[in-house]
């Protein structure tokens, strides 16, 4: 048997205290298709030899112009029943990083597809389980189904692309595991009551998100024993009357996307997509700063990020830290950062993120629909308009700019795959 279950106490110690990642997968959801009437058509357990692996899989060996990494057979190895796709900082084929990309020699049309894997635990990595037909882009019917283009630490991305003729993507959808934002109003509005009020002449919000940063409102309140207004006040409920100190402050930003999306929009009290600060794309870190006329006492900080798309908030800031000026240097404000939000929301017994635990990513692909799953839970369902040909199953690790900061921490990290399975309907 290749799996050995650790005692619960020891598992938590490894995950939370030492944060070591072993080669052994965790014992969690075991997978399987929904309902009945399925038969197993393909299974890869990665417990054979390299020769056997080469007999069942093709490997990319060369550059990848659309991403930061070339990808090679050398970056793939088998380790105690786990397929490891390793990212390395090395200059090869004109690119500064290497990673891995492989696909089955066998091809499939329709079925239930599952893969149990763990992300490479570093930002800037694209950890993918996907399908794409082999047809040339000049022929009709070439499609790409991203069952999951996962980004560390907790983002699951589901996309559908047409590559024949004019390329299009059918709106990607995001699922956030653990502490990630879920697109609700509560997730878009961040609210931090400071344990101890601070006195400062300057505050700033610093974000290192991979995407551009969008701040609809930034607020700072003085200490108040009766509490503070909600990030999204309910007009039917009484709200404490506390002045927003940001409204009279001087505001500056490290950049702005265009002339109409300047930092002044973030302190005007208007909740509107048309009135917000949006950073430039190539700015990192993104900084929104307040300056007060004199030293000012602060008891609570708030901000609202992203934009409202129907009933869901998109573009919610995920990597941020509030800082204050102590007269000499900028210092972080305790518990006013992204990790503090996660600490409040995360189940203390849950794995810390998708880079430290294995999960099962699934797709039911049939003639009418594409239905996406995370650990057996349905997370997206869309009409199948274009995916009616055959495709191999693909696994890949890539280094990309839109998955978070690309740093040396990526070097040596791996996307680890436990198994891949394909079921098809019983004739």
Protein backbone atom coordinates (compact mmCIF):
# COMPACT_ATOMS: atom_id res chain seq x y z
CA UNK A 1 0.00 0.00 0.00
CA UNK A 2 1.39 3.39 -0.92
CA UNK A 3 -0.71 5.45 1.56
CA UNK A 4 0.05 5.60 5.27
CA UNK A 5 -2.38 7.57 7.44
CA UNK A 6 -0.71 9.65 10.15
CA UNK A 7 -2.38 10.05 13.55
CA UNK A 8 -4.51 13.19 13.64
CA UNK A 9 -2.36 14.99 16.23
CA UNK A 10 0.80 14.27 14.27
CA UNK A 11 -0.81 15.36 10.98
CA UNK A 12 -1.80 18.71 12.48
CA UNK A 13 1.66 19.13 13.96
CA UNK A 14 3.28 18.53 10.58
CA UNK A 15 0.89 20.82 8.72
CA UNK A 16 0.67 23.72 11.15
CA UNK A 17 3.88 23.72 13.17
CA UNK A 18 6.69 22.47 10.97
CA UNK A 19 4.72 22.99 7.69
CA UNK A 20 6.65 20.12 6.13
CA UNK A 21 5.24 18.46 3.00
CA UNK A 22 5.74 14.71 2.78
CA UNK A 23 5.38 12.63 -0.35
CA UNK A 24 2.45 10.74 1.18
CA UNK A 25 -1.06 11.96 0.25
CA UNK A 26 -3.52 12.79 3.03
CA UNK A 27 -6.48 10.46 3.59
CA UNK A 28 -9.49 12.55 2.59
CA UNK A 29 -12.16 12.35 -0.12
CA UNK A 30 -11.51 9.28 -2.29
CA UNK A 31 -13.34 10.33 -5.43
CA UNK A 32 -15.80 8.66 -7.77
CA UNK A 33 -18.41 9.78 -10.32
CA UNK A 34 -21.85 11.09 -9.35
CA UNK A 35 -24.77 8.70 -9.49
CA UNK A 36 -24.70 5.27 -11.11
CA UNK A 37 -24.15 3.81 -14.55
CA UNK A 38 -20.42 4.43 -14.88
CA UNK A 39 -17.52 2.14 -15.70
CA UNK A 40 -13.81 2.86 -15.18
CA UNK A 41 -12.18 3.50 -18.57
CA UNK A 42 -8.72 4.70 -17.52
CA UNK A 43 -6.69 4.77 -14.30
CA UNK A 44 -3.17 6.03 -13.60
CA UNK A 45 -1.84 5.45 -10.08
CA UNK A 46 1.77 6.52 -10.80
CA UNK A 47 3.10 3.50 -8.94
CA UNK A 48 4.99 1.99 -11.91
CA UNK A 49 8.32 2.77 -13.54
CA UNK A 50 9.57 5.66 -15.65
CA UNK A 51 9.52 3.35 -18.66
CA UNK A 52 5.87 2.53 -18.02
CA UNK A 53 5.08 6.23 -17.63
CA UNK A 54 6.67 7.01 -20.98
CA UNK A 55 4.56 4.29 -22.54
CA UNK A 56 1.28 5.93 -21.45
CA UNK A 57 2.09 9.67 -21.53
CA UNK A 58 3.53 12.25 -23.93
CA UNK A 59 5.76 15.02 -22.59
CA UNK A 60 6.49 18.56 -23.76
CA UNK A 61 10.18 19.15 -24.35
CA UNK A 62 10.70 22.77 -25.28
CA UNK A 63 9.78 26.42 -24.74
CA UNK A 64 6.35 27.85 -23.94
CA UNK A 65 6.06 31.33 -25.39
CA UNK A 66 2.85 32.34 -23.56
CA UNK A 67 4.21 31.65 -20.05
CA UNK A 68 7.47 32.14 -18.15
CA UNK A 69 8.64 28.51 -18.16
CA UNK A 70 9.85 26.06 -20.76
CA UNK A 71 8.70 22.51 -19.93
CA UNK A 72 10.62 19.25 -20.02
CA UNK A 73 10.51 15.53 -19.34
CA UNK A 74 13.45 16.09 -16.95
CA UNK A 75 11.14 17.99 -14.59
CA UNK A 76 8.91 14.95 -14.02
CA UNK A 77 9.70 12.11 -11.62
CA UNK A 78 7.91 9.32 -9.78
CA UNK A 79 8.30 9.28 -6.00
CA UNK A 80 6.58 6.58 -3.92
CA UNK A 81 3.44 6.52 -6.04
CA UNK A 82 3.33 10.28 -6.59
CA UNK A 83 3.97 12.07 -9.88
CA UNK A 84 6.03 15.18 -9.11
CA UNK A 85 6.19 18.02 -11.62
CA UNK A 86 9.06 20.18 -10.43
CA UNK A 87 9.63 23.90 -11.09
CA UNK A 88 13.24 25.00 -11.35
CA UNK A 89 14.89 28.37 -11.72
CA UNK A 90 17.14 27.63 -14.67
CA UNK A 91 17.65 29.30 -18.02
CA UNK A 92 16.65 26.89 -20.79
CA UNK A 93 15.27 27.42 -24.29
CA UNK A 94 15.32 31.16 -23.78
CA UNK A 95 13.20 31.14 -20.61
CA UNK A 96 14.21 31.69 -16.98
CA UNK A 97 12.15 28.87 -15.46
CA UNK A 98 11.44 25.23 -16.27
CA UNK A 99 8.40 23.13 -15.34
CA UNK A 100 6.41 20.23 -16.83
CA UNK A 101 3.55 19.42 -19.18
CA UNK A 102 2.30 15.93 -20.07
CA UNK A 103 -0.77 14.31 -21.65
CA UNK A 104 -2.16 10.81 -22.10
CA UNK A 105 -1.56 8.89 -25.29
CA UNK A 106 -5.13 7.64 -24.97
CA UNK A 107 -7.95 10.04 -25.92
CA UNK A 108 -11.50 10.31 -24.64
CA UNK A 109 -14.87 11.79 -25.56
CA UNK A 110 -17.29 12.54 -22.72
CA UNK A 111 -17.14 10.94 -19.27
CA UNK A 112 -16.24 11.78 -15.70
CA UNK A 113 -12.65 12.92 -15.18
CA UNK A 114 -10.92 13.16 -11.78
CA UNK A 115 -7.45 13.95 -10.55
CA UNK A 116 -6.17 14.01 -6.97
CA UNK A 117 -3.31 16.44 -6.57
CA UNK A 118 -1.60 19.07 -4.45
CA UNK A 119 -0.47 22.48 -5.67
CA UNK A 120 3.14 23.57 -5.81
CA UNK A 121 3.25 25.65 -2.60
CA UNK A 122 4.37 28.97 -4.06
CA UNK A 123 2.65 31.93 -5.70
CA UNK A 124 3.22 32.36 -9.42
CA UNK A 125 2.47 28.69 -10.16
CA UNK A 126 -0.33 27.42 -12.40
CA UNK A 127 -1.29 23.88 -11.30
CA UNK A 128 -3.47 22.44 -14.04
CA UNK A 129 -5.66 19.43 -14.81
CA UNK A 130 -7.30 19.93 -18.20
CA UNK A 131 -8.48 18.66 -21.57
CA UNK A 132 -7.63 20.08 -25.00
CA UNK A 133 -8.29 18.56 -28.40
CA UNK A 134 -5.39 18.08 -30.82
CA UNK A 135 -7.07 19.72 -33.80
CA UNK A 136 -5.14 22.57 -35.49
CA UNK A 137 -6.53 26.04 -34.79
CA UNK A 138 -7.41 26.33 -38.49
CA UNK A 139 -9.99 23.54 -38.13
CA UNK A 140 -13.36 23.90 -36.38
CA UNK A 141 -14.01 22.17 -33.08
CA UNK A 142 -10.74 22.78 -31.23
CA UNK A 143 -11.52 23.33 -27.55
CA UNK A 144 -9.88 23.54 -24.13
CA UNK A 145 -11.59 22.61 -20.86
CA UNK A 146 -9.66 23.75 -17.78
CA UNK A 147 -11.00 21.46 -15.07
CA UNK A 148 -8.76 23.39 -12.71
CA UNK A 149 -6.01 25.93 -13.31
CA UNK A 150 -5.14 26.15 -9.62
CA UNK A 151 -3.26 29.06 -8.06
CA UNK A 152 -1.62 28.79 -4.64
CA UNK A 153 -2.75 29.08 -1.91
CA UNK A 154 -6.52 28.49 -2.32
CA UNK A 155 -7.80 29.39 -5.79
CA UNK A 156 -9.53 26.95 -8.16
CA UNK A 157 -10.10 28.25 -11.71
CA UNK A 158 -12.52 26.69 -14.19
CA UNK A 159 -12.40 27.89 -17.80
CA UNK A 160 -13.59 26.93 -21.27
CA UNK A 161 -11.76 28.06 -24.42
CA UNK A 162 -12.44 27.81 -28.12
CA UNK A 163 -9.24 27.86 -30.16
CA UNK A 164 -10.70 27.47 -33.65
CA UNK A 165 -10.91 30.69 -35.61
CA UNK A 166 -11.35 33.63 -33.23
CA UNK A 167 -10.26 32.54 -29.77
CA UNK A 168 -12.72 33.07 -26.95
CA UNK A 169 -12.95 32.06 -23.31
CA UNK A 170 -16.28 31.38 -21.63
CA UNK A 171 -16.01 33.41 -18.45
CA UNK A 172 -13.69 31.81 -15.98
CA UNK A 173 -15.14 31.01 -12.58
CA UNK A 174 -13.29 30.92 -9.30
CA UNK A 175 -13.79 28.72 -6.27
CA UNK A 176 -11.87 29.60 -3.11
CA UNK A 177 -10.95 26.92 -0.62
CA UNK A 178 -10.61 27.66 3.11
CA UNK A 179 -10.01 31.34 3.76
CA UNK A 180 -10.39 32.56 0.21
CA UNK A 181 -13.04 35.11 -0.77
CA UNK A 182 -16.27 33.54 -2.02
CA UNK A 183 -17.61 36.52 -3.91
CA UNK A 184 -20.10 37.55 -1.24
CA UNK A 185 -20.61 41.12 -0.07
CA UNK A 186 -19.13 40.22 3.31
CA UNK A 187 -15.96 39.00 1.60
CA UNK A 188 -15.61 42.20 -0.44
CA UNK A 189 -15.75 44.46 2.63
CA UNK A 190 -12.85 44.12 5.07
CA UNK A 191 -13.27 45.45 8.63
CA UNK A 192 -10.47 45.61 11.22
CA UNK A 193 -11.00 46.87 14.78
CA UNK A 194 -7.56 47.46 16.23
CA UNK A 195 -6.71 45.78 19.54
CA UNK A 196 -5.02 49.00 20.59
CA UNK A 197 -5.67 52.37 18.92
CA UNK A 198 -2.64 53.91 17.22
CA UNK A 199 -1.64 57.50 16.57
CA UNK A 200 -0.09 58.31 13.21
CA UNK A 201 0.06 60.94 10.50
CA UNK A 202 0.07 58.42 7.63
CA UNK A 203 -1.62 55.12 6.76
CA UNK A 204 -1.31 52.95 3.71
CA UNK A 205 -2.84 49.82 2.20
CA UNK A 206 -0.24 47.68 0.40
CA UNK A 207 -1.21 44.84 -1.95
CA UNK A 208 0.92 42.36 -3.88
CA UNK A 209 -1.97 40.72 -5.70
CA UNK A 210 -1.16 39.25 -9.10
CA UNK A 211 -4.05 41.10 -10.72
CA UNK A 212 -4.68 44.85 -10.73
CA UNK A 213 -6.11 46.14 -7.45
CA UNK A 214 -9.53 47.80 -7.26
CA UNK A 215 -10.53 49.71 -4.11
CA UNK A 216 -14.03 51.15 -4.02
CA UNK A 217 -13.76 52.69 -0.53
CA UNK A 218 -11.04 53.09 2.11
CA UNK A 219 -12.10 54.24 5.60
CA UNK A 220 -10.40 55.06 8.90
CA UNK A 221 -12.33 55.68 12.12
CA UNK A 222 -11.30 57.10 15.50
CA UNK A 223 -11.77 54.90 18.61
CA UNK A 224 -15.44 54.56 19.52
CA UNK A 225 -16.87 52.58 22.44
CA UNK A 226 -20.26 52.20 20.69
CA UNK A 227 -18.72 50.37 17.71
CA UNK A 228 -18.28 51.24 14.06
CA UNK A 229 -20.43 51.40 10.91
CA UNK A 230 -20.66 48.27 8.80
CA UNK A 231 -18.65 48.11 5.59
CA UNK A 232 -22.01 47.89 3.78
CA UNK A 233 -24.47 49.68 6.11
CA UNK A 234 -28.03 48.37 6.16
CA UNK A 235 -30.35 51.42 5.85
CA UNK A 236 -32.92 49.67 8.05
CA UNK A 237 -30.47 49.35 10.94
CA UNK A 238 -29.02 52.11 13.09
CA UNK A 239 -25.30 52.66 12.52
CA UNK A 240 -22.89 54.26 15.02
CA UNK A 241 -22.22 57.87 14.09
CA UNK A 242 -18.43 57.81 13.71
CA UNK A 243 -16.59 60.20 11.35
CA UNK A 244 -14.63 58.69 8.48
CA UNK A 245 -11.22 60.30 8.90
CA UNK A 246 -10.16 59.22 5.41
CA UNK A 247 -12.71 61.59 3.85
CA UNK A 248 -10.68 64.63 4.94
CA UNK A 249 -7.23 63.14 4.39
CA UNK A 250 -4.90 63.58 1.43
CA UNK A 251 -4.85 60.44 -0.69
CA UNK A 252 -2.14 59.20 -3.05
CA UNK A 253 -1.56 55.99 -5.00
CA UNK A 254 1.48 54.30 -6.49
CA UNK A 255 -0.29 54.18 -9.87
CA UNK A 256 -3.70 54.33 -11.53
CA UNK A 257 -5.11 52.50 -14.53
CA UNK A 258 -6.43 55.64 -16.25
CA UNK A 259 -7.38 59.26 -15.57
CA UNK A 260 -10.89 58.45 -14.31
CA UNK A 261 -9.86 55.78 -11.77
CA UNK A 262 -7.68 57.84 -9.44
CA UNK A 263 -7.16 57.40 -5.67
CA UNK A 264 -9.57 60.23 -4.78
CA UNK A 265 -12.44 57.90 -5.76
CA UNK A 266 -11.57 55.63 -2.83
CA UNK A 267 -12.41 58.27 -0.21
CA UNK A 268 -15.44 60.00 -1.78
CA UNK A 269 -18.06 57.91 0.09
CA UNK A 270 -19.62 56.66 -3.16
CA UNK A 271 -20.21 52.91 -3.54
CA UNK A 272 -20.07 52.55 -7.30
CA UNK A 273 -18.01 50.74 -9.90
CA UNK A 274 -17.61 54.13 -11.60
CA UNK A 275 -16.07 55.61 -8.45
CA UNK A 276 -13.06 53.57 -7.36
CA UNK A 277 -9.28 53.49 -7.48
CA UNK A 278 -7.80 50.95 -9.89
CA UNK A 279 -4.05 50.37 -10.01
CA UNK A 280 -1.95 50.02 -13.15
CA UNK A 281 -1.26 46.47 -14.33
CA UNK A 282 2.52 46.56 -14.04
CA UNK A 283 2.63 48.16 -10.58
CA UNK A 284 3.75 45.90 -7.73
CA UNK A 285 3.32 46.41 -4.88
CA UNK A 286 0.19 48.52 -5.28
CA UNK A 287 -0.08 51.22 -2.61
CA UNK A 288 -2.97 53.46 -1.56
CA UNK A 289 -1.88 55.97 1.12
CA UNK A 290 -3.62 58.49 3.41
CA UNK A 291 -1.92 61.54 4.96
CA UNK A 292 -3.52 63.47 7.83
CA UNK A 293 -2.88 67.14 8.69
CA UNK A 294 -1.69 66.17 12.16
CA UNK A 295 -1.13 62.98 14.23
CA UNK A 296 -4.49 61.19 14.32
CA UNK A 297 -5.82 58.40 16.54
CA UNK A 298 -7.15 55.38 14.64
CA UNK A 299 -9.37 52.66 16.12
CA UNK A 300 -10.80 50.89 13.05
CA UNK A 301 -9.93 50.41 9.37
CA UNK A 302 -12.16 49.32 6.49
CA UNK A 303 -11.94 48.90 2.77
CA UNK A 304 -14.11 47.50 -0.02
CA UNK A 305 -12.39 45.90 -2.99
CA UNK A 306 -13.42 44.55 -6.38
CA UNK A 307 -16.63 45.15 -8.30
CA UNK A 308 -20.18 43.80 -8.28
CA UNK A 309 -20.97 41.35 -11.11
CA UNK A 310 -24.66 40.45 -10.78
CA UNK A 311 -24.94 39.14 -7.23
CA UNK A 312 -21.23 38.29 -6.86
CA UNK A 313 -18.21 40.43 -6.11
CA UNK A 314 -15.24 39.89 -8.41
CA UNK A 315 -11.63 41.00 -8.14
CA UNK A 316 -11.55 40.84 -4.34
CA UNK A 317 -8.09 41.72 -3.00
CA UNK A 318 -6.40 38.65 -1.53
CA UNK A 319 -2.87 39.76 -0.55
CA UNK A 320 -2.77 42.95 1.50
CA UNK A 321 -1.34 44.62 4.60
CA UNK A 322 -2.22 47.88 6.38
CA UNK A 323 0.83 49.85 7.53
CA UNK A 324 1.34 53.05 9.53
CA UNK A 325 4.14 55.65 9.63
CA UNK A 326 5.86 55.81 13.02
CA UNK A 327 7.79 58.96 12.17
CA UNK A 328 10.79 57.09 10.79
CA UNK A 329 9.65 53.92 8.98
CA UNK A 330 6.50 52.15 7.83
CA UNK A 331 5.33 49.45 10.23
CA UNK A 332 2.65 46.75 9.75
CA UNK A 333 -0.56 47.14 11.73
CA UNK A 334 -1.12 43.95 13.74
CA UNK A 335 -4.12 41.85 12.62
CA UNK A 336 -4.88 44.21 9.70
CA UNK A 337 -3.73 41.97 6.89
CA UNK A 338 -4.98 39.14 4.66
CA UNK A 339 -3.70 36.32 6.88
CA UNK A 340 -5.67 37.67 9.82
CA UNK A 341 -8.87 37.30 7.81
CA UNK A 342 -8.03 33.67 7.11
CA UNK A 343 -7.26 32.99 10.77
CA UNK A 344 -10.75 34.15 11.71
CA UNK A 345 -12.58 32.18 9.01
CA UNK A 346 -10.64 28.95 8.66
CA UNK A 347 -11.66 25.78 10.44
CA UNK A 348 -8.73 25.19 12.84
CA UNK A 349 -8.70 21.51 11.88
CA UNK A 350 -8.58 22.15 8.12
CA UNK A 351 -5.38 21.91 6.09
CA UNK A 352 -3.83 25.35 5.72
CA UNK A 353 -4.07 25.58 1.92
CA UNK A 354 -4.15 23.70 -1.37
CA UNK A 355 -0.37 23.49 -1.46
CA UNK A 356 -0.27 21.40 1.72
CA UNK A 357 -3.13 18.99 1.12
CA UNK A 358 -4.37 16.74 -1.66
CA UNK A 359 -7.82 17.36 -3.13
CA UNK A 360 -9.90 15.80 -5.90
CA UNK A 361 -10.81 17.94 -8.91
CA UNK A 362 -13.51 16.54 -11.16
CA UNK A 363 -15.50 17.18 -14.32
CA UNK A 364 -18.55 15.50 -15.81
CA UNK A 365 -18.38 16.15 -19.55
CA UNK A 366 -21.41 15.14 -21.55
CA UNK A 367 -23.07 16.25 -24.75
CA UNK A 368 -25.20 18.89 -23.02
CA UNK A 369 -23.18 20.14 -20.03
CA UNK A 370 -19.86 20.61 -18.28
CA UNK A 371 -20.18 20.08 -14.50
CA UNK A 372 -17.19 20.87 -12.30
CA UNK A 373 -16.50 19.35 -8.86
CA UNK A 374 -14.19 19.96 -5.90
CA UNK A 375 -13.91 17.00 -3.48
CA UNK A 376 -17.25 15.70 -4.77
CA UNK A 377 -18.99 19.07 -4.36
CA UNK A 378 -20.46 20.64 -7.51
CA UNK A 379 -18.98 24.12 -7.97
CA UNK A 380 -19.93 25.07 -11.55
CA UNK A 381 -22.29 23.97 -14.33
CA UNK A 382 -22.35 25.36 -17.89
CA UNK A 383 -23.81 24.44 -21.27
CA UNK A 384 -21.55 22.43 -23.56
CA UNK A 385 -21.56 24.45 -26.75
CA UNK A 386 -18.31 23.38 -28.43
CA UNK A 387 -16.72 20.31 -26.77
CA UNK A 388 -17.74 17.41 -28.95
CA UNK A 389 -14.47 15.86 -30.09
CA UNK A 390 -11.83 13.65 -28.51
CA UNK A 391 -9.12 14.83 -26.16
CA UNK A 392 -6.25 13.47 -24.06
CA UNK A 393 -6.06 14.18 -20.34
CA UNK A 394 -3.44 16.81 -19.53
CA UNK A 395 -1.42 17.69 -16.42
CA UNK A 396 0.85 20.70 -16.27
CA UNK A 397 2.78 23.02 -14.02
CA UNK A 398 3.60 26.48 -15.35
CA UNK A 399 5.11 29.69 -14.03
CA UNK A 400 2.88 32.69 -14.81
CA UNK A 401 2.58 36.32 -13.74
CA UNK A 402 -1.19 36.25 -13.13
CA UNK A 403 -0.99 33.63 -10.37
CA UNK A 404 0.78 35.87 -7.85
CA UNK A 405 4.32 37.14 -7.30
CA UNK A 406 7.00 35.14 -9.14
CA UNK A 407 9.84 34.72 -6.64
CA UNK A 408 12.77 32.41 -5.95
CA UNK A 409 10.51 30.54 -3.53
CA UNK A 410 9.16 28.64 -6.56
CA UNK A 411 12.52 26.97 -7.19
CA UNK A 412 12.32 23.24 -6.35
CA UNK A 413 8.59 23.26 -5.55
CA UNK A 414 6.41 20.65 -7.22
CA UNK A 415 2.82 19.94 -8.19
CA UNK A 416 2.20 16.43 -6.79
CA UNK A 417 -0.33 14.09 -8.42
CA UNK A 418 -1.68 11.01 -6.63
CA UNK A 419 -3.89 9.59 -9.38
CA UNK A 420 -5.94 10.27 -12.52
CA UNK A 421 -9.14 8.39 -13.41
CA UNK A 422 -11.65 8.49 -16.23
CA UNK A 423 -15.10 6.90 -16.11
CA UNK A 424 -17.48 6.60 -19.00
CA UNK A 425 -21.16 5.76 -19.16
CA UNK A 426 -21.96 2.07 -19.27
CA UNK A 427 -23.18 1.22 -22.82
